[in-house]
């Protein structure tokens, strides 16, 4: 592992507040910042982006099942031995 120095320009008040927050959880600010960077990278790689989640919800919820399988209404009719009228009455109740 090669080590590199990283420096950024930041507002002094923001830096002070950030360091204070890090020092509440870590004894050493440098170790805390490095740990936070690692955590951020792990989360970014491991979890889908908000836009990915919204697209999946839109696809599944709003566009419905694109498969050729049974629809939920058909499954309810078969499993519970209900008629369309009974299903609709339960939905409206």
C-alpha atoms as a PDB file:
ATOM      1  CA  UNK A   1       0.000   0.000   0.000  1.00  0.00           C
ATOM      2  CA  UNK A   2       1.432   3.335  -1.058  1.00  0.00           C
ATOM      3  CA  UNK A   3       0.768   6.271   1.221  1.00  0.00           C
ATOM      4  CA  UNK A   4      -0.003   9.703  -0.187  1.00  0.00           C
ATOM      5  CA  UNK A   5      -0.604  13.037   1.447  1.00  0.00           C
ATOM      6  CA  UNK A   6      -4.040  14.506   0.800  1.00  0.00           C
ATOM      7  CA  UNK A   7      -4.793  18.176   1.338  1.00  0.00           C
ATOM      8  CA  UNK A   8      -7.863  20.287   0.664  1.00  0.00           C
ATOM      9  CA  UNK A   9      -8.860  23.878   1.174  1.00  0.00           C
ATOM     10  CA  UNK A  10     -11.790  24.175   3.537  1.00  0.00           C
ATOM     11  CA  UNK A  11     -13.534  26.856   5.553  1.00  0.00           C
ATOM     12  CA  UNK A  12     -11.865  27.093   8.970  1.00  0.00           C
ATOM     13  CA  UNK A  13     -15.145  26.961  10.909  1.00  0.00           C
ATOM     14  CA  UNK A  14     -16.292  23.884   8.985  1.00  0.00           C
ATOM     15  CA  UNK A  15     -12.923  22.208   9.609  1.00  0.00           C
ATOM     16  CA  UNK A  16     -13.117  22.942  13.329  1.00  0.00           C
ATOM     17  CA  UNK A  17     -16.654  21.556  13.608  1.00  0.00           C
ATOM     18  CA  UNK A  18     -15.725  18.454  11.611  1.00  0.00           C
ATOM     19  CA  UNK A  19     -12.631  17.739  13.694  1.00  0.00           C
ATOM     20  CA  UNK A  20     -14.679  18.186  16.874  1.00  0.00           C
ATOM     21  CA  UNK A  21     -17.214  15.625  15.597  1.00  0.00           C
ATOM     22  CA  UNK A  22     -14.463  13.167  14.658  1.00  0.00           C
ATOM     23  CA  UNK A  23     -12.727  13.536  18.023  1.00  0.00           C
ATOM     24  CA  UNK A  24     -15.959  12.667  19.833  1.00  0.00           C
ATOM     25  CA  UNK A  25     -15.745   9.170  18.319  1.00  0.00           C
ATOM     26  CA  UNK A  26     -11.994   8.690  17.779  1.00  0.00           C
ATOM     27  CA  UNK A  27      -8.935   9.441  19.899  1.00  0.00           C
ATOM     28  CA  UNK A  28      -6.914  10.525  16.880  1.00  0.00           C
ATOM     29  CA  UNK A  29      -8.397  12.807  14.197  1.00  0.00           C
ATOM     30  CA  UNK A  30      -6.269  11.346  11.387  1.00  0.00           C
ATOM     31  CA  UNK A  31      -7.351   7.789  12.171  1.00  0.00           C
ATOM     32  CA  UNK A  32     -10.969   8.916  12.409  1.00  0.00           C
ATOM     33  CA  UNK A  33     -10.891  10.686   9.066  1.00  0.00           C
ATOM     34  CA  UNK A  34      -9.272   7.690   7.365  1.00  0.00           C
ATOM     35  CA  UNK A  35     -11.872   5.397   8.924  1.00  0.00           C
ATOM     36  CA  UNK A  36     -14.687   7.661   7.720  1.00  0.00           C
ATOM     37  CA  UNK A  37     -13.246   7.631   4.198  1.00  0.00           C
ATOM     38  CA  UNK A  38     -13.138   3.815   4.268  1.00  0.00           C
ATOM     39  CA  UNK A  39     -16.722   3.633   5.534  1.00  0.00           C
ATOM     40  CA  UNK A  40     -17.891   6.019   2.798  1.00  0.00           C
ATOM     41  CA  UNK A  41     -16.175   3.936   0.099  1.00  0.00           C
ATOM     42  CA  UNK A  42     -17.645   0.668   1.434  1.00  0.00           C
ATOM     43  CA  UNK A  43     -21.142   2.118   1.485  1.00  0.00           C
ATOM     44  CA  UNK A  44     -20.808   3.678  -1.963  1.00  0.00           C
ATOM     45  CA  UNK A  45     -19.691   0.350  -3.435  1.00  0.00           C
ATOM     46  CA  UNK A  46     -22.135  -1.791  -1.485  1.00  0.00           C
ATOM     47  CA  UNK A  47     -25.426   0.029  -1.716  1.00  0.00           C
ATOM     48  CA  UNK A  48     -27.363   1.162  -4.755  1.00  0.00           C
ATOM     49  CA  UNK A  49     -27.650   4.862  -5.443  1.00  0.00           C
ATOM     50  CA  UNK A  50     -30.903   6.649  -4.633  1.00  0.00           C
ATOM     51  CA  UNK A  51     -31.629   6.989  -8.351  1.00  0.00           C
ATOM     52  CA  UNK A  52     -31.209   3.200  -8.786  1.00  0.00           C
ATOM     53  CA  UNK A  53     -33.666   2.556  -5.962  1.00  0.00           C
ATOM     54  CA  UNK A  54     -36.210   4.995  -7.409  1.00  0.00           C
ATOM     55  CA  UNK A  55     -35.892   3.411 -10.866  1.00  0.00           C
ATOM     56  CA  UNK A  56     -36.430  -0.087  -9.432  1.00  0.00           C
ATOM     57  CA  UNK A  57     -39.469   1.052  -7.421  1.00  0.00           C
ATOM     58  CA  UNK A  58     -40.905   2.773 -10.489  1.00  0.00           C
ATOM     59  CA  UNK A  59     -40.334  -0.362 -12.557  1.00  0.00           C
ATOM     60  CA  UNK A  60     -41.813  -2.823 -10.071  1.00  0.00           C
ATOM     61  CA  UNK A  61     -44.566  -0.805  -8.398  1.00  0.00           C
ATOM     62  CA  UNK A  62     -45.826   1.519 -11.092  1.00  0.00           C
ATOM     63  CA  UNK A  63     -45.249  -0.574 -14.217  1.00  0.00           C
ATOM     64  CA  UNK A  64     -46.315  -3.845 -12.640  1.00  0.00           C
ATOM     65  CA  UNK A  65     -45.216  -7.390 -13.280  1.00  0.00           C
ATOM     66  CA  UNK A  66     -43.978  -7.819 -16.845  1.00  0.00           C
ATOM     67  CA  UNK A  67     -43.763 -11.582 -16.532  1.00  0.00           C
ATOM     68  CA  UNK A  68     -46.222 -14.070 -17.934  1.00  0.00           C
ATOM     69  CA  UNK A  69     -46.978 -15.567 -14.533  1.00  0.00           C
ATOM     70  CA  UNK A  70     -50.188 -15.332 -12.555  1.00  0.00           C
ATOM     71  CA  UNK A  71     -51.332 -11.952 -11.329  1.00  0.00           C
ATOM     72  CA  UNK A  72     -52.017 -11.435  -7.621  1.00  0.00           C
ATOM     73  CA  UNK A  73     -55.768 -11.389  -8.269  1.00  0.00           C
ATOM     74  CA  UNK A  74     -55.589 -14.795  -9.975  1.00  0.00           C
ATOM     75  CA  UNK A  75     -53.534 -16.223  -7.110  1.00  0.00           C
ATOM     76  CA  UNK A  76     -56.089 -14.940  -4.600  1.00  0.00           C
ATOM     77  CA  UNK A  77     -58.911 -16.536  -6.570  1.00  0.00           C
ATOM     78  CA  UNK A  78     -57.133 -19.898  -6.680  1.00  0.00           C
ATOM     79  CA  UNK A  79     -55.739 -20.012  -3.133  1.00  0.00           C
ATOM     80  CA  UNK A  80     -58.726 -18.545  -1.304  1.00  0.00           C
ATOM     81  CA  UNK A  81     -61.420 -19.809  -3.668  1.00  0.00           C
ATOM     82  CA  UNK A  82     -62.899 -16.329  -4.085  1.00  0.00           C
ATOM     83  CA  UNK A  83     -64.878 -14.728  -6.884  1.00  0.00           C
ATOM     84  CA  UNK A  84     -64.007 -11.407  -8.502  1.00  0.00           C
ATOM     85  CA  UNK A  85     -66.918  -9.819  -6.636  1.00  0.00           C
ATOM     86  CA  UNK A  86     -65.637 -11.044  -3.249  1.00  0.00           C
ATOM     87  CA  UNK A  87     -62.134  -9.798  -3.982  1.00  0.00           C
ATOM     88  CA  UNK A  88     -63.468  -6.392  -5.033  1.00  0.00           C
ATOM     89  CA  UNK A  89     -65.705  -6.193  -1.947  1.00  0.00           C
ATOM     90  CA  UNK A  90     -62.715  -6.907   0.313  1.00  0.00           C
ATOM     91  CA  UNK A  91     -60.640  -4.313  -1.501  1.00  0.00           C
ATOM     92  CA  UNK A  92     -63.274  -1.639  -1.014  1.00  0.00           C
ATOM     93  CA  UNK A  93     -63.930  -2.532   2.638  1.00  0.00           C
END
